[in-house]
Amino acid sequence: MNLENYSKEKLWAILVETVQSIVMYPTHKAYTRENILPANSDVTPEELALRLNISLGEALVILDELAEERKTPA
């Protein structure tokens, strides 16, 4: 299942809300944006979860939000 399919699931909004309440979430997201994606733009949620020692749910939300940011012109 790709990121787009996950975000269509009924529980997606609950997962996003839960992940965004994690204290380290902003730091994990920033680290991913600044250090991981420039070197490996095709990182999978599973790889990100292992690399940062975070849950798969958090990795999914991070990658989804960062993908949305890249789509939106600055």
C-alpha atoms as a PDB file:
ATOM      1  CA  MET A   1       0.000   0.000   0.000  1.00  0.00           C
ATOM      2  CA  ASN A   2       1.440   3.405  -0.913  1.00  0.00           C
ATOM      3  CA  LEU A   3       1.170   6.617   1.102  1.00  0.00           C
ATOM      4  CA  GLU A   4      -1.761   7.866  -0.942  1.00  0.00           C
ATOM      5  CA  ASN A   5      -3.766   4.747  -0.116  1.00  0.00           C
ATOM      6  CA  TYR A   6      -3.052   5.044   3.607  1.00  0.00           C
ATOM      7  CA  SER A   7      -4.361   8.603   3.714  1.00  0.00           C
ATOM      8  CA  LYS A   8      -7.691   7.439   2.310  1.00  0.00           C
ATOM      9  CA  GLU A   9      -8.300   5.047   5.219  1.00  0.00           C
ATOM     10  CA  LYS A  10     -10.937   5.948   7.806  1.00  0.00           C
ATOM     11  CA  LEU A  11      -8.491   5.953  10.714  1.00  0.00           C
ATOM     12  CA  TRP A  12      -5.911   8.172   8.960  1.00  0.00           C
ATOM     13  CA  ALA A  13      -7.072  11.372  10.687  1.00  0.00           C
ATOM     14  CA  ILE A  14      -6.766   9.688  14.086  1.00  0.00           C
ATOM     15  CA  LEU A  15      -3.267   8.442  13.259  1.00  0.00           C
ATOM     16  CA  VAL A  16      -2.184  11.926  12.152  1.00  0.00           C
ATOM     17  CA  GLU A  17      -3.567  13.524  15.316  1.00  0.00           C
ATOM     18  CA  THR A  18      -1.855  10.919  17.494  1.00  0.00           C
ATOM     19  CA  VAL A  19       1.490  11.214  15.721  1.00  0.00           C
ATOM     20  CA  GLN A  20       1.436  15.009  15.849  1.00  0.00           C
ATOM     21  CA  SER A  21       1.094  14.809  19.638  1.00  0.00           C
ATOM     22  CA  ILE A  22       4.419  12.960  19.970  1.00  0.00           C
ATOM     23  CA  VAL A  23       6.946  15.314  21.572  1.00  0.00           C
ATOM     24  CA  MET A  24       9.763  14.362  19.178  1.00  0.00           C
ATOM     25  CA  TYR A  25       7.583  14.475  16.049  1.00  0.00           C
ATOM     26  CA  PRO A  26       8.669  17.979  14.894  1.00  0.00           C
ATOM     27  CA  THR A  27      12.319  17.002  15.358  1.00  0.00           C
ATOM     28  CA  HIS A  28      11.901  13.726  13.476  1.00  0.00           C
ATOM     29  CA  LYS A  29      10.102  15.515  10.656  1.00  0.00           C
ATOM     30  CA  ALA A  30      12.766  18.231  10.397  1.00  0.00           C
ATOM     31  CA  TYR A  31      15.592  15.678  10.447  1.00  0.00           C
ATOM     32  CA  THR A  32      13.890  13.705   7.700  1.00  0.00           C
ATOM     33  CA  ARG A  33      13.376  16.838   5.582  1.00  0.00           C
ATOM     34  CA  GLU A  34      16.902  18.164   6.047  1.00  0.00           C
ATOM     35  CA  ASN A  35      19.054  15.025   6.207  1.00  0.00           C
ATOM     36  CA  ILE A  36      17.334  11.908   4.947  1.00  0.00           C
ATOM     37  CA  LEU A  37      15.308  13.033   1.924  1.00  0.00           C
ATOM     38  CA  PRO A  38      18.117  14.982   0.219  1.00  0.00           C
ATOM     39  CA  ALA A  39      20.255  11.823   0.249  1.00  0.00           C
ATOM     40  CA  ASN A  40      17.449   9.313  -0.369  1.00  0.00           C
ATOM     41  CA  SER A  41      14.260  10.799  -1.779  1.00  0.00           C
ATOM     42  CA  ASP A  42      12.782   7.314  -2.250  1.00  0.00           C
ATOM     43  CA  VAL A  43      13.074   6.248   1.388  1.00  0.00           C
ATOM     44  CA  THR A  44      10.230   3.939   2.373  1.00  0.00           C
ATOM     45  CA  PRO A  45       8.220   4.321   5.566  1.00  0.00           C
ATOM     46  CA  GLU A  46       9.703   1.047   6.817  1.00  0.00           C
ATOM     47  CA  GLU A  47      13.270   2.276   6.200  1.00  0.00           C
ATOM     48  CA  LEU A  48      12.543   5.606   7.882  1.00  0.00           C
ATOM     49  CA  ALA A  49      11.007   3.887  10.897  1.00  0.00           C
ATOM     50  CA  LEU A  50      14.086   1.685  11.302  1.00  0.00           C
ATOM     51  CA  ARG A  51      16.539   4.512  10.731  1.00  0.00           C
ATOM     52  CA  LEU A  52      14.942   6.876  13.269  1.00  0.00           C
ATOM     53  CA  ASN A  53      13.734   4.146  15.649  1.00  0.00           C
ATOM     54  CA  ILE A  54      10.151   5.410  15.374  1.00  0.00           C
ATOM     55  CA  SER A  55       6.850   3.694  14.725  1.00  0.00           C
ATOM     56  CA  LEU A  56       5.717   2.892  11.207  1.00  0.00           C
ATOM     57  CA  GLY A  57       2.712   5.158  11.808  1.00  0.00           C
ATOM     58  CA  GLU A  58       4.929   8.130  12.588  1.00  0.00           C
ATOM     59  CA  ALA A  59       7.078   7.426   9.526  1.00  0.00           C
ATOM     60  CA  LEU A  60       3.978   7.268   7.327  1.00  0.00           C
ATOM     61  CA  VAL A  61       2.699  10.605   8.588  1.00  0.00           C
ATOM     62  CA  ILE A  62       6.103  12.283   8.242  1.00  0.00           C
ATOM     63  CA  LEU A  63       6.565  11.135   4.654  1.00  0.00           C
ATOM     64  CA  ASP A  64       2.998  12.030   3.728  1.00  0.00           C
ATOM     65  CA  GLU A  65       3.273  15.542   5.148  1.00  0.00           C
ATOM     66  CA  LEU A  66       6.663  16.133   3.545  1.00  0.00           C
ATOM     67  CA  ALA A  67       5.340  14.916   0.197  1.00  0.00           C
ATOM     68  CA  GLU A  68       2.497  17.440   0.500  1.00  0.00           C
ATOM     69  CA  GLU A  69       4.971  20.216   1.348  1.00  0.00           C
ATOM     70  CA  ARG A  70       6.997  19.420  -1.782  1.00  0.00           C
ATOM     71  CA  LYS A  71       3.839  19.624  -3.933  1.00  0.00           C
ATOM     72  CA  THR A  72       2.950  23.070  -2.578  1.00  0.00           C
ATOM     73  CA  PRO A  73       4.994  25.892  -4.112  1.00  0.00           C
ATOM     74  CA  ALA A  74       6.765  28.067  -1.566  1.00  0.00           C
END
